[in-house]
Amino acid sequence: MKKIYVTLSIFLIVILSSCSMQEKMNPEIFIERLISNSEITIKNEFFENEKYICYFSDKSNCNFIIRIDSDSGRNAKKICLACTETSKTENFKSMTETVIKTFAPNEKIDEILSSLFSEEWNYYNSQWYRYSSAVSEKGLYFSIESVKLSTQTDAEMTLKPNNFSP
């Protein structure tokens, strides 16, 4: 009887742990999930070093570009979305919502979107993600970055102590 309980416990642990959502994903998995969460058509895609770049359009033919920065393990750590069709702001907000749902499904999307698009440019930080947005007459921009995967050395690489010599 004891063996049955142990076996059943191990079985449940294995089954329940496999049902959780995968946190890390490579660019290909992200795009597959994005396609399944929305109606988009891929026009062109390519890799450039650790960056994946994809041109696509939504169901109303609004054109977008997405860039996914990866870490050394090919895990998506930052996703940038841009659109030059400024007359289609609602399409951009809808695609932004889909990107967040795909990359960070447990986030408070309504709170994030209302904070980001309340001004010309803005940012929002949650426990595990950093968000930023910009809206101008030339285009629309959004980014989401995983705090877990992005290192502090990314920011430190731009400013070195010896850059400020008198």
N, C-alpha and C. Protein backbone atom coordinates (compact mmCIF):
# COMPACT_ATOMS: atom_id res chain seq x y z
N MET A 1 0.81 -1.18 0.00
CA MET A 1 0.00 0.00 0.00
C MET A 1 0.87 1.26 0.00
N LYS A 2 1.96 1.21 0.76
CA LYS A 2 2.87 2.34 0.84
C LYS A 2 3.51 2.62 -0.51
N LYS A 3 3.83 1.56 -1.26
CA LYS A 3 4.43 1.72 -2.58
C LYS A 3 3.45 2.41 -3.54
N ILE A 4 2.19 2.12 -3.40
CA ILE A 4 1.18 2.73 -4.28
C ILE A 4 1.12 4.24 -4.01
N TYR A 5 1.15 4.65 -2.75
CA TYR A 5 1.12 6.07 -2.42
C TYR A 5 2.36 6.80 -2.94
N VAL A 6 3.49 6.19 -2.79
CA VAL A 6 4.73 6.79 -3.27
C VAL A 6 4.70 6.91 -4.80
N THR A 7 4.30 5.84 -5.47
CA THR A 7 4.22 5.84 -6.92
C THR A 7 3.21 6.88 -7.41
N LEU A 8 2.05 6.92 -6.78
CA LEU A 8 1.02 7.88 -7.15
C LEU A 8 1.49 9.32 -6.91
N SER A 9 2.18 9.56 -5.82
CA SER A 9 2.71 10.90 -5.52
C SER A 9 3.72 11.35 -6.57
N ILE A 10 4.62 10.47 -6.92
CA ILE A 10 5.62 10.80 -7.95
C ILE A 10 4.95 11.06 -9.28
N PHE A 11 3.97 10.24 -9.62
CA PHE A 11 3.24 10.42 -10.87
C PHE A 11 2.54 11.78 -10.90
N LEU A 12 1.87 12.16 -9.82
CA LEU A 12 1.18 13.45 -9.77
C LEU A 12 2.14 14.62 -9.86
N ILE A 13 3.27 14.51 -9.20
CA ILE A 13 4.26 15.59 -9.26
C ILE A 13 4.76 15.77 -10.68
N VAL A 14 5.04 14.70 -11.36
CA VAL A 14 5.53 14.78 -12.74
C VAL A 14 4.45 15.34 -13.66
N ILE A 15 3.23 14.87 -13.54
CA ILE A 15 2.14 15.32 -14.40
C ILE A 15 1.82 16.79 -14.14
N LEU A 16 1.70 17.20 -12.90
CA LEU A 16 1.34 18.58 -12.58
C LEU A 16 2.45 19.57 -12.94
N SER A 17 3.68 19.16 -12.82
CA SER A 17 4.77 20.07 -13.17
C SER A 17 4.86 20.24 -14.68
N SER A 18 4.44 19.29 -15.45
CA SER A 18 4.49 19.41 -16.91
C SER A 18 3.35 20.26 -17.45
N CYS A 19 2.36 20.57 -16.63
CA CYS A 19 1.23 21.38 -17.08
C CYS A 19 1.49 22.87 -16.95
N SER A 20 2.58 23.26 -16.34
CA SER A 20 2.86 24.68 -16.15
C SER A 20 3.31 25.31 -17.47
N MET A 21 3.10 26.62 -17.58
CA MET A 21 3.48 27.35 -18.78
C MET A 21 4.99 27.53 -18.82
N GLN A 22 5.58 27.29 -19.95
CA GLN A 22 7.02 27.44 -20.12
C GLN A 22 7.36 28.93 -20.07
N GLU A 23 8.23 29.33 -19.15
CA GLU A 23 8.59 30.73 -19.00
C GLU A 23 9.55 31.19 -20.08
N LYS A 24 10.57 30.40 -20.34
CA LYS A 24 11.55 30.77 -21.34
C LYS A 24 11.12 30.23 -22.70
N MET A 25 11.38 31.01 -23.73
CA MET A 25 11.06 30.55 -25.07
C MET A 25 12.02 31.22 -26.06
N ASN A 26 12.32 30.49 -27.12
CA ASN A 26 13.16 31.07 -28.15
C ASN A 26 12.27 31.86 -29.12
N PRO A 27 12.85 32.65 -30.02
CA PRO A 27 12.04 33.47 -30.93
C PRO A 27 11.05 32.67 -31.77
N GLU A 28 11.44 31.49 -32.21
CA GLU A 28 10.55 30.68 -33.04
C GLU A 28 9.30 30.27 -32.26
N ILE A 29 9.47 29.87 -31.01
CA ILE A 29 8.31 29.49 -30.18
C ILE A 29 7.44 30.71 -29.92
N PHE A 30 8.06 31.87 -29.66
CA PHE A 30 7.27 33.08 -29.44
C PHE A 30 6.42 33.39 -30.66
N ILE A 31 7.01 33.35 -31.85
CA ILE A 31 6.26 33.66 -33.08
C ILE A 31 5.14 32.64 -33.30
N GLU A 32 5.40 31.36 -33.04
CA GLU A 32 4.34 30.34 -33.15
C GLU A 32 3.17 30.67 -32.23
N ARG A 33 3.49 31.05 -30.99
CA ARG A 33 2.44 31.41 -30.03
C ARG A 33 1.73 32.70 -30.43
N LEU A 34 2.48 33.66 -30.97
CA LEU A 34 1.87 34.90 -31.42
C LEU A 34 0.89 34.64 -32.56
N ILE A 35 1.27 33.79 -33.48
CA ILE A 35 0.39 33.43 -34.60
C ILE A 35 -0.88 32.75 -34.08
N SER A 36 -0.73 31.87 -33.09
CA SER A 36 -1.91 31.18 -32.55
C SER A 36 -2.80 32.10 -31.73
N ASN A 37 -2.23 33.21 -31.20
CA ASN A 37 -3.03 34.17 -30.41
C ASN A 37 -3.63 35.30 -31.23
N SER A 38 -3.25 35.41 -32.49
CA SER A 38 -3.76 36.49 -33.34
C SER A 38 -3.76 36.05 -34.79
N GLU A 39 -4.33 36.88 -35.62
CA GLU A 39 -4.37 36.59 -37.06
C GLU A 39 -3.32 37.46 -37.74
N ILE A 40 -2.11 36.93 -37.85
CA ILE A 40 -1.04 37.68 -38.51
C ILE A 40 -0.49 36.88 -39.69
N THR A 41 0.11 37.62 -40.60
CA THR A 41 0.73 37.02 -41.77
C THR A 41 2.20 37.44 -41.79
N ILE A 42 3.09 36.47 -41.74
CA ILE A 42 4.53 36.74 -41.78
C ILE A 42 4.92 37.09 -43.21
N LYS A 43 5.62 38.22 -43.35
CA LYS A 43 6.07 38.64 -44.68
C LYS A 43 7.54 38.32 -44.90
N ASN A 44 8.35 38.52 -43.88
CA ASN A 44 9.78 38.26 -43.98
C ASN A 44 10.33 38.09 -42.57
N GLU A 45 11.30 37.21 -42.41
CA GLU A 45 11.92 37.01 -41.10
C GLU A 45 13.36 36.56 -41.30
N PHE A 46 14.24 36.97 -40.37
CA PHE A 46 15.63 36.57 -40.45
C PHE A 46 16.31 36.78 -39.10
N PHE A 47 17.45 36.14 -38.93
CA PHE A 47 18.28 36.29 -37.74
C PHE A 47 19.48 37.15 -38.07
N GLU A 48 19.86 38.00 -37.12
CA GLU A 48 21.05 38.81 -37.24
C GLU A 48 21.75 38.77 -35.89
N ASN A 49 22.81 37.97 -35.78
CA ASN A 49 23.49 37.69 -34.51
C ASN A 49 22.49 37.10 -33.51
N GLU A 50 22.29 37.75 -32.37
CA GLU A 50 21.34 37.23 -31.38
C GLU A 50 20.00 37.94 -31.48
N LYS A 51 19.70 38.51 -32.64
CA LYS A 51 18.45 39.23 -32.85
C LYS A 51 17.63 38.54 -33.95
N TYR A 52 16.35 38.37 -33.66
CA TYR A 52 15.42 37.83 -34.65
C TYR A 52 14.55 39.00 -35.10
N ILE A 53 14.42 39.20 -36.40
CA ILE A 53 13.63 40.30 -36.94
C ILE A 53 12.56 39.73 -37.85
N CYS A 54 11.33 40.21 -37.66
CA CYS A 54 10.19 39.68 -38.40
C CYS A 54 9.28 40.82 -38.84
N TYR A 55 8.96 40.84 -40.12
CA TYR A 55 7.98 41.78 -40.67
C TYR A 55 6.68 41.01 -40.85
N PHE A 56 5.57 41.58 -40.37
CA PHE A 56 4.28 40.90 -40.50
C PHE A 56 3.15 41.91 -40.56
N SER A 57 1.97 41.43 -40.89
CA SER A 57 0.78 42.29 -40.92
C SER A 57 -0.36 41.58 -40.20
N ASP A 58 -1.30 42.38 -39.68
CA ASP A 58 -2.45 41.80 -39.01
C ASP A 58 -3.60 41.63 -40.00
N LYS A 59 -4.76 41.25 -39.51
CA LYS A 59 -5.89 40.95 -40.40
C LYS A 59 -6.41 42.17 -41.15
N SER A 60 -6.12 43.39 -40.66
CA SER A 60 -6.55 44.59 -41.37
C SER A 60 -5.41 45.22 -42.18
N ASN A 61 -4.38 44.43 -42.46
CA ASN A 61 -3.22 44.83 -43.27
C ASN A 61 -2.41 45.98 -42.66
N CYS A 62 -2.39 46.08 -41.37
CA CYS A 62 -1.51 47.01 -40.68
C CYS A 62 -0.15 46.33 -40.57
N ASN A 63 0.91 47.02 -40.99
CA ASN A 63 2.24 46.43 -41.03
C ASN A 63 3.02 46.70 -39.75
N PHE A 64 3.72 45.68 -39.28
CA PHE A 64 4.50 45.74 -38.06
C PHE A 64 5.89 45.15 -38.30
N ILE A 65 6.80 45.53 -37.42
CA ILE A 65 8.10 44.86 -37.35
C ILE A 65 8.32 44.50 -35.88
N ILE A 66 8.83 43.31 -35.68
CA ILE A 66 9.13 42.87 -34.32
C ILE A 66 10.58 42.43 -34.28
N ARG A 67 11.28 42.83 -33.21
CA ARG A 67 12.66 42.41 -33.00
C ARG A 67 12.74 41.71 -31.66
N ILE A 68 13.32 40.53 -31.66
CA ILE A 68 13.45 39.75 -30.43
C ILE A 68 14.93 39.58 -30.13
N ASP A 69 15.37 40.12 -29.00
CA ASP A 69 16.75 39.96 -28.55
C ASP A 69 16.83 38.71 -27.69
N SER A 70 17.84 37.90 -27.93
CA SER A 70 18.01 36.64 -27.20
C SER A 70 19.27 36.67 -26.35
N ASP A 71 19.26 35.84 -25.31
CA ASP A 71 20.48 35.67 -24.53
C ASP A 71 21.34 34.59 -25.17
N SER A 72 22.42 34.21 -24.55
CA SER A 72 23.32 33.22 -25.13
C SER A 72 22.68 31.84 -25.26
N GLY A 73 21.61 31.57 -24.49
CA GLY A 73 20.88 30.31 -24.59
C GLY A 73 19.72 30.36 -25.56
N ARG A 74 19.66 31.41 -26.39
CA ARG A 74 18.60 31.66 -27.38
C ARG A 74 17.22 31.85 -26.74
N ASN A 75 17.17 32.30 -25.49
CA ASN A 75 15.90 32.62 -24.84
C ASN A 75 15.57 34.08 -25.12
N ALA A 76 14.32 34.33 -25.49
CA ALA A 76 13.89 35.70 -25.76
C ALA A 76 13.94 36.50 -24.47
N LYS A 77 14.71 37.59 -24.48
CA LYS A 77 14.81 38.41 -23.27
C LYS A 77 14.18 39.79 -23.48
N LYS A 78 14.09 40.27 -24.71
CA LYS A 78 13.47 41.56 -24.99
C LYS A 78 12.77 41.50 -26.33
N ILE A 79 11.57 42.05 -26.36
CA ILE A 79 10.78 42.07 -27.59
C ILE A 79 10.39 43.51 -27.88
N CYS A 80 10.70 43.97 -29.08
CA CYS A 80 10.35 45.33 -29.51
C CYS A 80 9.38 45.24 -30.68
N LEU A 81 8.33 46.04 -30.62
CA LEU A 81 7.31 46.08 -31.66
C LEU A 81 7.23 47.51 -32.18
N ALA A 82 7.18 47.67 -33.50
CA ALA A 82 7.11 49.01 -34.09
C ALA A 82 6.15 49.01 -35.28
N CYS A 83 5.59 50.20 -35.52
CA CYS A 83 4.65 50.37 -36.64
C CYS A 83 4.74 51.83 -37.09
N THR A 84 4.78 52.06 -38.40
CA THR A 84 4.82 53.43 -38.91
C THR A 84 3.45 53.95 -39.32
N GLU A 85 2.45 53.11 -39.28
CA GLU A 85 1.09 53.51 -39.65
C GLU A 85 0.40 54.12 -38.43
N THR A 86 0.68 55.40 -38.18
CA THR A 86 0.21 56.07 -36.97
C THR A 86 -1.31 56.26 -36.95
N SER A 87 -1.96 56.14 -38.08
CA SER A 87 -3.42 56.26 -38.11
C SER A 87 -4.09 55.00 -37.55
N LYS A 88 -3.32 53.95 -37.35
CA LYS A 88 -3.87 52.68 -36.86
C LYS A 88 -3.40 52.39 -35.43
N THR A 89 -3.55 53.38 -34.57
CA THR A 89 -3.10 53.25 -33.19
C THR A 89 -3.82 52.13 -32.46
N GLU A 90 -5.08 51.95 -32.72
CA GLU A 90 -5.85 50.88 -32.06
C GLU A 90 -5.33 49.50 -32.46
N ASN A 91 -4.96 49.35 -33.71
CA ASN A 91 -4.35 48.09 -34.16
C ASN A 91 -3.05 47.84 -33.42
N PHE A 92 -2.26 48.90 -33.24
CA PHE A 92 -0.99 48.77 -32.53
C PHE A 92 -1.21 48.39 -31.07
N LYS A 93 -2.18 49.02 -30.43
CA LYS A 93 -2.48 48.69 -29.03
C LYS A 93 -2.96 47.25 -28.91
N SER A 94 -3.76 46.81 -29.86
CA SER A 94 -4.25 45.43 -29.86
C SER A 94 -3.09 44.45 -30.03
N MET A 95 -2.17 44.76 -30.93
CA MET A 95 -1.01 43.88 -31.14
C MET A 95 -0.09 43.91 -29.91
N THR A 96 0.03 45.07 -29.28
CA THR A 96 0.81 45.17 -28.04
C THR A 96 0.22 44.26 -26.97
N GLU A 97 -1.09 44.28 -26.85
CA GLU A 97 -1.77 43.41 -25.88
C GLU A 97 -1.49 41.95 -26.19
N THR A 98 -1.51 41.58 -27.46
CA THR A 98 -1.25 40.20 -27.85
C THR A 98 0.20 39.81 -27.55
N VAL A 99 1.14 40.71 -27.77
CA VAL A 99 2.55 40.44 -27.46
C VAL A 99 2.71 40.19 -25.96
N ILE A 100 2.07 41.03 -25.14
CA ILE A 100 2.17 40.85 -23.69
C ILE A 100 1.54 39.52 -23.27
N LYS A 101 0.36 39.21 -23.80
CA LYS A 101 -0.31 37.94 -23.47
C LYS A 101 0.55 36.74 -23.86
N THR A 102 1.28 36.87 -24.94
CA THR A 102 2.11 35.77 -25.43
C THR A 102 3.40 35.64 -24.64
N PHE A 103 4.05 36.76 -24.34
CA PHE A 103 5.35 36.73 -23.66
C PHE A 103 5.22 36.67 -22.14
N ALA A 104 4.23 37.37 -21.59
CA ALA A 104 4.06 37.46 -20.13
C ALA A 104 2.57 37.29 -19.78
N PRO A 105 2.05 36.08 -19.91
CA PRO A 105 0.60 35.88 -19.77
C PRO A 105 0.03 36.17 -18.38
N ASN A 106 0.85 36.23 -17.36
CA ASN A 106 0.34 36.46 -16.00
C ASN A 106 0.35 37.93 -15.58
N GLU A 107 0.70 38.82 -16.48
CA GLU A 107 0.78 40.25 -16.16
C GLU A 107 -0.61 40.90 -16.20
N LYS A 108 -0.74 42.05 -15.54
CA LYS A 108 -1.98 42.83 -15.51
C LYS A 108 -2.02 43.72 -16.75
N ILE A 109 -2.55 43.20 -17.82
CA ILE A 109 -2.45 43.84 -19.13
C ILE A 109 -3.17 45.19 -19.18
N ASP A 110 -4.37 45.28 -18.63
CA ASP A 110 -5.12 46.54 -18.67
C ASP A 110 -4.37 47.66 -17.96
N GLU A 111 -3.80 47.35 -16.82
CA GLU A 111 -3.04 48.34 -16.04
C GLU A 111 -1.80 48.78 -16.81
N ILE A 112 -1.13 47.86 -17.45
CA ILE A 112 0.09 48.16 -18.21
C ILE A 112 -0.24 49.05 -19.41
N LEU A 113 -1.26 48.67 -20.18
CA LEU A 113 -1.61 49.42 -21.38
C LEU A 113 -2.09 50.83 -21.05
N SER A 114 -2.90 50.97 -19.99
CA SER A 114 -3.38 52.31 -19.64
C SER A 114 -2.23 53.20 -19.18
N SER A 115 -1.23 52.62 -18.55
CA SER A 115 -0.06 53.38 -18.12
C SER A 115 0.85 53.74 -19.30
N LEU A 116 1.05 52.81 -20.19
CA LEU A 116 1.99 53.03 -21.29
C LEU A 116 1.50 54.04 -22.31
N PHE A 117 0.26 53.96 -22.68
CA PHE A 117 -0.24 54.80 -23.77
C PHE A 117 -0.99 56.03 -23.28
N SER A 118 -0.71 56.47 -22.05
CA SER A 118 -1.36 57.66 -21.52
C SER A 118 -0.65 58.95 -21.95
N GLU A 119 0.60 58.84 -22.37
CA GLU A 119 1.39 60.00 -22.80
C GLU A 119 2.15 59.67 -24.07
N GLU A 120 2.89 60.65 -24.58
CA GLU A 120 3.66 60.46 -25.81
C GLU A 120 4.69 59.35 -25.67
N TRP A 121 5.37 59.29 -24.54
CA TRP A 121 6.30 58.19 -24.26
C TRP A 121 6.18 57.88 -22.78
N ASN A 122 6.35 56.62 -22.45
CA ASN A 122 6.16 56.22 -21.07
C ASN A 122 6.84 54.88 -20.82
N TYR A 123 6.93 54.53 -19.55
CA TYR A 123 7.46 53.21 -19.19
C TYR A 123 6.67 52.68 -18.00
N TYR A 124 6.79 51.39 -17.79
CA TYR A 124 6.09 50.73 -16.68
C TYR A 124 6.96 49.56 -16.25
N ASN A 125 7.10 49.37 -14.95
CA ASN A 125 7.86 48.24 -14.42
C ASN A 125 6.97 47.38 -13.56
N SER A 126 7.04 46.09 -13.77
CA SER A 126 6.38 45.14 -12.88
C SER A 126 7.47 44.35 -12.18
N GLN A 127 7.09 43.35 -11.44
CA GLN A 127 8.09 42.58 -10.71
C GLN A 127 9.08 41.89 -11.65
N TRP A 128 8.59 41.36 -12.77
CA TRP A 128 9.45 40.56 -13.65
C TRP A 128 9.70 41.15 -15.03
N TYR A 129 9.04 42.28 -15.37
CA TYR A 129 9.17 42.83 -16.71
C TYR A 129 9.29 44.35 -16.68
N ARG A 130 10.00 44.89 -17.69
CA ARG A 130 10.08 46.33 -17.92
C ARG A 130 9.40 46.61 -19.26
N TYR A 131 8.56 47.62 -19.28
CA TYR A 131 7.82 47.99 -20.48
C TYR A 131 8.15 49.43 -20.84
N SER A 132 8.13 49.74 -22.14
CA SER A 132 8.26 51.12 -22.58
C SER A 132 7.46 51.31 -23.86
N SER A 133 7.06 52.56 -24.10
CA SER A 133 6.31 52.86 -25.32
C SER A 133 6.61 54.28 -25.75
N ALA A 134 6.42 54.53 -27.03
CA ALA A 134 6.57 55.86 -27.60
C ALA A 134 5.58 56.00 -28.74
N VAL A 135 4.95 57.17 -28.79
CA VAL A 135 3.98 57.46 -29.84
C VAL A 135 4.34 58.82 -30.41
N SER A 136 4.55 58.89 -31.72
CA SER A 136 4.83 60.16 -32.39
C SER A 136 4.15 60.17 -33.75
N GLU A 137 4.28 61.28 -34.45
CA GLU A 137 3.68 61.35 -35.79
C GLU A 137 4.43 60.48 -36.79
N LYS A 138 5.62 60.01 -36.43
CA LYS A 138 6.42 59.16 -37.32
C LYS A 138 6.22 57.67 -37.09
N GLY A 139 5.75 57.29 -35.90
CA GLY A 139 5.58 55.87 -35.66
C GLY A 139 5.20 55.55 -34.23
N LEU A 140 4.98 54.27 -34.00
CA LEU A 140 4.59 53.73 -32.70
C LEU A 140 5.61 52.68 -32.29
N TYR A 141 5.93 52.64 -30.99
CA TYR A 141 6.96 51.73 -30.50
C TYR A 141 6.53 51.16 -29.16
N PHE A 142 6.85 49.88 -28.94
CA PHE A 142 6.60 49.22 -27.67
C PHE A 142 7.71 48.21 -27.43
N SER A 143 8.11 48.06 -26.16
CA SER A 143 9.06 47.00 -25.83
C SER A 143 8.71 46.39 -24.48
N ILE A 144 9.02 45.12 -24.36
CA ILE A 144 8.88 44.38 -23.11
C ILE A 144 10.19 43.64 -22.90
N GLU A 145 10.70 43.70 -21.68
CA GLU A 145 11.99 43.07 -21.38
C GLU A 145 11.87 42.27 -20.10
N SER A 146 12.36 41.05 -20.12
CA SER A 146 12.36 40.19 -18.95
C SER A 146 13.48 40.61 -18.00
N VAL A 147 13.11 40.94 -16.77
CA VAL A 147 14.11 41.31 -15.76
C VAL A 147 14.93 40.08 -15.38
N LYS A 148 14.32 38.91 -15.42
CA LYS A 148 15.02 37.67 -15.06
C LYS A 148 16.15 37.36 -16.04
N LEU A 149 15.92 37.60 -17.32
CA LEU A 149 16.90 37.22 -18.34
C LEU A 149 17.88 38.33 -18.70
N SER A 150 17.49 39.57 -18.53
CA SER A 150 18.39 40.68 -18.84
C SER A 150 19.28 40.94 -17.65
N THR A 151 20.54 41.11 -17.93
CA THR A 151 21.50 41.29 -16.85
C THR A 151 21.80 42.77 -16.66
N GLN A 152 22.29 43.11 -15.52
CA GLN A 152 22.70 44.48 -15.24
C GLN A 152 23.88 44.87 -16.12
N THR A 153 24.66 43.92 -16.58
CA THR A 153 25.82 44.24 -17.40
C THR A 153 25.39 44.79 -18.76
N ASP A 154 24.15 44.52 -19.21
CA ASP A 154 23.67 45.12 -20.46
C ASP A 154 23.73 46.64 -20.37
N ALA A 155 23.24 47.19 -19.26
CA ALA A 155 23.25 48.64 -19.07
C ALA A 155 24.66 49.15 -18.78
N GLU A 156 25.44 48.39 -18.05
CA GLU A 156 26.78 48.82 -17.69
C GLU A 156 27.71 48.89 -18.89
N MET A 157 27.40 48.18 -19.94
CA MET A 157 28.26 48.17 -21.12
C MET A 157 28.29 49.53 -21.81
N THR A 158 27.25 50.36 -21.63
CA THR A 158 27.19 51.64 -22.32
C THR A 158 27.96 52.73 -21.58
N LEU A 159 28.09 52.62 -20.26
CA LEU A 159 28.80 53.62 -19.48
C LEU A 159 29.94 52.97 -18.72
N LYS A 160 31.12 53.40 -19.02
CA LYS A 160 32.29 52.87 -18.33
C LYS A 160 32.84 53.99 -17.45
N PRO A 161 33.40 53.65 -16.29
CA PRO A 161 33.91 54.68 -15.36
C PRO A 161 34.93 55.61 -15.98
N ASN A 162 35.75 55.14 -16.88
CA ASN A 162 36.80 55.98 -17.45
C ASN A 162 36.30 56.88 -18.60
N ASN A 163 35.00 56.82 -18.93
CA ASN A 163 34.44 57.68 -19.98
C ASN A 163 34.31 59.12 -19.51
N PHE A 164 34.39 59.36 -18.22
CA PHE A 164 34.16 60.70 -17.69
C PHE A 164 35.45 61.34 -17.18
N SER A 165 36.51 61.20 -17.90
CA SER A 165 37.78 61.80 -17.47
C SER A 165 37.77 63.30 -17.79
N PRO A 166 38.34 64.12 -16.89
CA PRO A 166 38.34 65.59 -17.07
C PRO A 166 39.26 66.06 -18.17
